[in-house]
Amino acid sequence: MKKLFMMLSMLLIVNTAFSKEKSVSLDVPTMTCPVCPFTVEKALNGVAGVLTVDVSFEEKLAQVTFDDVLTNTKALIAATTNAGYPSSIKE
């Protein structure tokens, strides 16, 4: 049991060493009321690997920082879309 725990711990450490924090801005044009950002934020925070979320109703924008080993932009877009707020990467 100790060997298994040790191997899993080492795997986690190695995996973390290769992870990289990334940030992305998502356009969320369908936010139409001041309550919408709460739903978008909750959806994004539900994605494993998301570190921070800042949603602006006025700008119709979500700033997301995430661990690129645990998630990606496709998963973030899917999360907002599944919550009823389709998004796209702001160029």
N, C-alpha and C. Protein backbone atom coordinates (compact mmCIF):
# COMPACT_ATOMS: atom_id res chain seq x y z
N MET A 1 0.83 -1.20 0.00
CA MET A 1 0.00 0.00 0.00
C MET A 1 0.88 1.26 0.00
N LYS A 2 1.95 1.22 0.79
CA LYS A 2 2.85 2.37 0.85
C LYS A 2 3.50 2.64 -0.51
N LYS A 3 3.84 1.56 -1.21
CA LYS A 3 4.46 1.72 -2.52
C LYS A 3 3.49 2.36 -3.51
N LEU A 4 2.24 1.93 -3.45
CA LEU A 4 1.22 2.51 -4.33
C LEU A 4 1.04 4.00 -4.05
N PHE A 5 0.94 4.34 -2.78
CA PHE A 5 0.80 5.74 -2.39
C PHE A 5 2.00 6.56 -2.85
N MET A 6 3.18 6.00 -2.68
CA MET A 6 4.41 6.70 -3.08
C MET A 6 4.44 6.92 -4.59
N MET A 7 4.03 5.90 -5.36
CA MET A 7 4.02 6.03 -6.82
C MET A 7 3.01 7.07 -7.27
N LEU A 8 1.83 7.07 -6.66
CA LEU A 8 0.82 8.06 -7.01
C LEU A 8 1.29 9.48 -6.65
N SER A 9 1.94 9.61 -5.52
CA SER A 9 2.47 10.93 -5.11
C SER A 9 3.51 11.42 -6.10
N MET A 10 4.38 10.53 -6.53
CA MET A 10 5.42 10.91 -7.49
C MET A 10 4.79 11.31 -8.82
N LEU A 11 3.77 10.57 -9.24
CA LEU A 11 3.08 10.88 -10.49
C LEU A 11 2.45 12.26 -10.42
N LEU A 12 1.84 12.57 -9.30
CA LEU A 12 1.22 13.88 -9.12
C LEU A 12 2.27 14.99 -9.18
N ILE A 13 3.39 14.78 -8.55
CA ILE A 13 4.47 15.78 -8.54
C ILE A 13 5.01 15.99 -9.95
N VAL A 14 5.24 14.91 -10.68
CA VAL A 14 5.76 15.01 -12.04
C VAL A 14 4.73 15.70 -12.94
N ASN A 15 3.47 15.33 -12.80
CA ASN A 15 2.41 15.93 -13.61
C ASN A 15 2.32 17.42 -13.34
N THR A 16 2.41 17.81 -12.09
CA THR A 16 2.33 19.22 -11.72
C THR A 16 3.53 20.00 -12.27
N ALA A 17 4.67 19.36 -12.35
CA ALA A 17 5.86 20.03 -12.85
C ALA A 17 5.70 20.44 -14.31
N PHE A 18 4.90 19.71 -15.07
CA PHE A 18 4.71 20.01 -16.48
C PHE A 18 3.49 20.88 -16.76
N SER A 19 2.69 21.14 -15.73
CA SER A 19 1.51 21.96 -15.96
C SER A 19 1.90 23.42 -16.09
N LYS A 20 1.05 24.16 -16.76
CA LYS A 20 1.32 25.56 -16.99
C LYS A 20 0.02 26.33 -16.84
N GLU A 21 0.11 27.44 -16.16
CA GLU A 21 -1.07 28.30 -16.02
C GLU A 21 -1.27 29.06 -17.31
N LYS A 22 -2.51 29.05 -17.79
CA LYS A 22 -2.85 29.81 -18.98
C LYS A 22 -4.05 30.68 -18.66
N SER A 23 -4.18 31.76 -19.40
CA SER A 23 -5.34 32.64 -19.26
C SER A 23 -5.97 32.84 -20.62
N VAL A 24 -7.30 32.97 -20.59
CA VAL A 24 -8.03 33.18 -21.83
C VAL A 24 -9.18 34.15 -21.54
N SER A 25 -9.52 34.92 -22.54
CA SER A 25 -10.69 35.80 -22.46
C SER A 25 -11.77 35.19 -23.35
N LEU A 26 -12.95 35.03 -22.77
CA LEU A 26 -14.07 34.48 -23.52
C LEU A 26 -15.12 35.55 -23.73
N ASP A 27 -15.54 35.73 -24.98
CA ASP A 27 -16.68 36.59 -25.28
C ASP A 27 -17.94 35.80 -24.93
N VAL A 28 -18.83 36.42 -24.16
CA VAL A 28 -20.10 35.78 -23.79
C VAL A 28 -21.21 36.78 -24.13
N PRO A 29 -21.55 36.91 -25.40
CA PRO A 29 -22.47 37.96 -25.85
C PRO A 29 -23.92 37.77 -25.41
N THR A 30 -24.29 36.58 -24.98
CA THR A 30 -25.70 36.34 -24.64
C THR A 30 -26.04 36.67 -23.18
N MET A 31 -25.10 37.23 -22.44
CA MET A 31 -25.43 37.69 -21.08
C MET A 31 -26.29 38.95 -21.21
N THR A 32 -27.54 38.86 -20.80
CA THR A 32 -28.48 39.97 -20.99
C THR A 32 -28.95 40.63 -19.71
N CYS A 33 -28.54 40.10 -18.56
CA CYS A 33 -28.98 40.70 -17.30
C CYS A 33 -27.83 40.62 -16.29
N PRO A 34 -27.89 41.42 -15.24
CA PRO A 34 -26.81 41.43 -14.26
C PRO A 34 -26.64 40.13 -13.48
N VAL A 35 -27.60 39.22 -13.56
CA VAL A 35 -27.49 37.94 -12.86
C VAL A 35 -26.75 36.90 -13.71
N CYS A 36 -26.73 37.07 -15.00
CA CYS A 36 -26.09 36.12 -15.91
C CYS A 36 -24.64 35.79 -15.54
N PRO A 37 -23.82 36.76 -15.17
CA PRO A 37 -22.43 36.45 -14.84
C PRO A 37 -22.28 35.43 -13.71
N PHE A 38 -23.23 35.38 -12.79
CA PHE A 38 -23.14 34.40 -11.72
C PHE A 38 -23.25 32.98 -12.27
N THR A 39 -24.13 32.77 -13.23
CA THR A 39 -24.30 31.46 -13.85
C THR A 39 -23.06 31.09 -14.65
N VAL A 40 -22.53 32.04 -15.41
CA VAL A 40 -21.33 31.80 -16.21
C VAL A 40 -20.15 31.47 -15.29
N GLU A 41 -19.99 32.24 -14.22
CA GLU A 41 -18.90 32.01 -13.28
C GLU A 41 -19.02 30.63 -12.63
N LYS A 42 -20.22 30.26 -12.22
CA LYS A 42 -20.43 28.95 -11.60
C LYS A 42 -20.10 27.83 -12.58
N ALA A 43 -20.51 27.98 -13.82
CA ALA A 43 -20.22 26.96 -14.84
C ALA A 43 -18.72 26.80 -15.05
N LEU A 44 -18.01 27.91 -15.14
CA LEU A 44 -16.56 27.85 -15.36
C LEU A 44 -15.83 27.30 -14.14
N ASN A 45 -16.25 27.69 -12.96
CA ASN A 45 -15.62 27.17 -11.75
C ASN A 45 -15.87 25.68 -11.56
N GLY A 46 -16.87 25.13 -12.24
CA GLY A 46 -17.14 23.71 -12.17
C GLY A 46 -16.23 22.86 -13.03
N VAL A 47 -15.40 23.48 -13.83
CA VAL A 47 -14.48 22.75 -14.70
C VAL A 47 -13.19 22.47 -13.92
N ALA A 48 -12.82 21.21 -13.84
CA ALA A 48 -11.59 20.84 -13.14
C ALA A 48 -10.40 21.54 -13.79
N GLY A 49 -9.56 22.15 -12.97
CA GLY A 49 -8.38 22.84 -13.47
C GLY A 49 -8.52 24.34 -13.57
N VAL A 50 -9.74 24.84 -13.41
CA VAL A 50 -9.93 26.30 -13.44
C VAL A 50 -9.42 26.88 -12.12
N LEU A 51 -8.59 27.90 -12.23
CA LEU A 51 -7.99 28.51 -11.05
C LEU A 51 -8.70 29.79 -10.64
N THR A 52 -8.98 30.66 -11.60
CA THR A 52 -9.69 31.90 -11.30
C THR A 52 -10.65 32.24 -12.43
N VAL A 53 -11.74 32.92 -12.06
CA VAL A 53 -12.73 33.36 -13.04
C VAL A 53 -13.16 34.77 -12.67
N ASP A 54 -13.20 35.65 -13.65
CA ASP A 54 -13.71 37.01 -13.46
C ASP A 54 -14.63 37.31 -14.64
N VAL A 55 -15.92 37.49 -14.34
CA VAL A 55 -16.90 37.71 -15.40
C VAL A 55 -17.42 39.14 -15.32
N SER A 56 -17.42 39.83 -16.44
CA SER A 56 -17.90 41.21 -16.52
C SER A 56 -19.17 41.26 -17.37
N PHE A 57 -20.28 41.66 -16.75
CA PHE A 57 -21.53 41.81 -17.48
C PHE A 57 -21.42 42.95 -18.49
N GLU A 58 -20.83 44.05 -18.07
CA GLU A 58 -20.74 45.23 -18.93
C GLU A 58 -19.95 44.95 -20.20
N GLU A 59 -18.86 44.20 -20.06
CA GLU A 59 -18.02 43.89 -21.22
C GLU A 59 -18.42 42.60 -21.91
N LYS A 60 -19.36 41.84 -21.29
CA LYS A 60 -19.77 40.54 -21.83
C LYS A 60 -18.55 39.64 -22.03
N LEU A 61 -17.72 39.58 -20.99
CA LEU A 61 -16.42 38.93 -21.08
C LEU A 61 -16.15 38.11 -19.82
N ALA A 62 -15.52 36.96 -20.00
CA ALA A 62 -15.08 36.13 -18.88
C ALA A 62 -13.57 35.93 -19.01
N GLN A 63 -12.84 36.29 -17.97
CA GLN A 63 -11.40 36.08 -17.90
C GLN A 63 -11.19 34.82 -17.08
N VAL A 64 -10.51 33.83 -17.64
CA VAL A 64 -10.33 32.55 -16.95
C VAL A 64 -8.85 32.19 -16.94
N THR A 65 -8.36 31.82 -15.76
CA THR A 65 -7.01 31.29 -15.61
C THR A 65 -7.17 29.81 -15.25
N PHE A 66 -6.42 28.95 -15.94
CA PHE A 66 -6.59 27.52 -15.75
C PHE A 66 -5.27 26.77 -15.91
N ASP A 67 -5.26 25.55 -15.40
CA ASP A 67 -4.12 24.65 -15.51
C ASP A 67 -4.27 23.89 -16.83
N ASP A 68 -3.33 24.07 -17.73
CA ASP A 68 -3.48 23.49 -19.07
C ASP A 68 -3.30 21.97 -19.12
N VAL A 69 -2.88 21.37 -18.02
CA VAL A 69 -2.80 19.91 -17.97
C VAL A 69 -4.18 19.33 -17.64
N LEU A 70 -4.95 20.06 -16.86
CA LEU A 70 -6.25 19.57 -16.40
C LEU A 70 -7.42 19.96 -17.29
N THR A 71 -7.30 21.04 -18.03
CA THR A 71 -8.40 21.46 -18.89
C THR A 71 -7.88 22.24 -20.09
N ASN A 72 -8.81 22.66 -20.94
CA ASN A 72 -8.44 23.42 -22.13
C ASN A 72 -9.58 24.37 -22.50
N THR A 73 -9.36 25.17 -23.52
CA THR A 73 -10.37 26.17 -23.90
C THR A 73 -11.65 25.52 -24.42
N LYS A 74 -11.55 24.37 -25.06
CA LYS A 74 -12.76 23.69 -25.53
C LYS A 74 -13.67 23.33 -24.36
N ALA A 75 -13.09 22.88 -23.27
CA ALA A 75 -13.89 22.52 -22.09
C ALA A 75 -14.53 23.75 -21.46
N LEU A 76 -13.81 24.88 -21.49
CA LEU A 76 -14.36 26.12 -20.93
C LEU A 76 -15.55 26.60 -21.77
N ILE A 77 -15.39 26.57 -23.08
CA ILE A 77 -16.47 26.98 -23.98
C ILE A 77 -17.67 26.04 -23.82
N ALA A 78 -17.40 24.75 -23.70
CA ALA A 78 -18.49 23.79 -23.50
C ALA A 78 -19.23 24.06 -22.19
N ALA A 79 -18.51 24.44 -21.15
CA ALA A 79 -19.14 24.71 -19.85
C ALA A 79 -20.10 25.89 -19.94
N THR A 80 -19.68 26.97 -20.59
CA THR A 80 -20.58 28.13 -20.70
C THR A 80 -21.75 27.81 -21.62
N THR A 81 -21.48 27.10 -22.70
CA THR A 81 -22.54 26.73 -23.64
C THR A 81 -23.58 25.84 -22.97
N ASN A 82 -23.12 24.85 -22.19
CA ASN A 82 -24.04 23.96 -21.50
C ASN A 82 -24.85 24.69 -20.43
N ALA A 83 -24.34 25.81 -19.95
CA ALA A 83 -25.07 26.61 -18.97
C ALA A 83 -26.04 27.58 -19.65
N GLY A 84 -26.05 27.58 -20.98
CA GLY A 84 -26.96 28.45 -21.72
C GLY A 84 -26.35 29.74 -22.23
N TYR A 85 -25.04 29.84 -22.13
CA TYR A 85 -24.35 31.06 -22.56
C TYR A 85 -23.19 30.70 -23.48
N PRO A 86 -23.46 30.51 -24.75
CA PRO A 86 -22.38 30.19 -25.70
C PRO A 86 -21.28 31.26 -25.66
N SER A 87 -20.05 30.81 -25.76
CA SER A 87 -18.93 31.74 -25.72
C SER A 87 -17.94 31.40 -26.81
N SER A 88 -17.01 32.29 -27.01
CA SER A 88 -15.93 32.06 -27.96
C SER A 88 -14.69 32.78 -27.44
N ILE A 89 -13.56 32.37 -27.95
CA ILE A 89 -12.31 32.99 -27.52
C ILE A 89 -12.23 34.39 -28.11
N LYS A 90 -11.93 35.36 -27.24
CA LYS A 90 -11.75 36.74 -27.71
C LYS A 90 -10.39 36.86 -28.34
N GLU A 91 -10.36 37.28 -29.56
CA GLU A 91 -9.09 37.44 -30.29
C GLU A 91 -8.46 38.77 -30.01
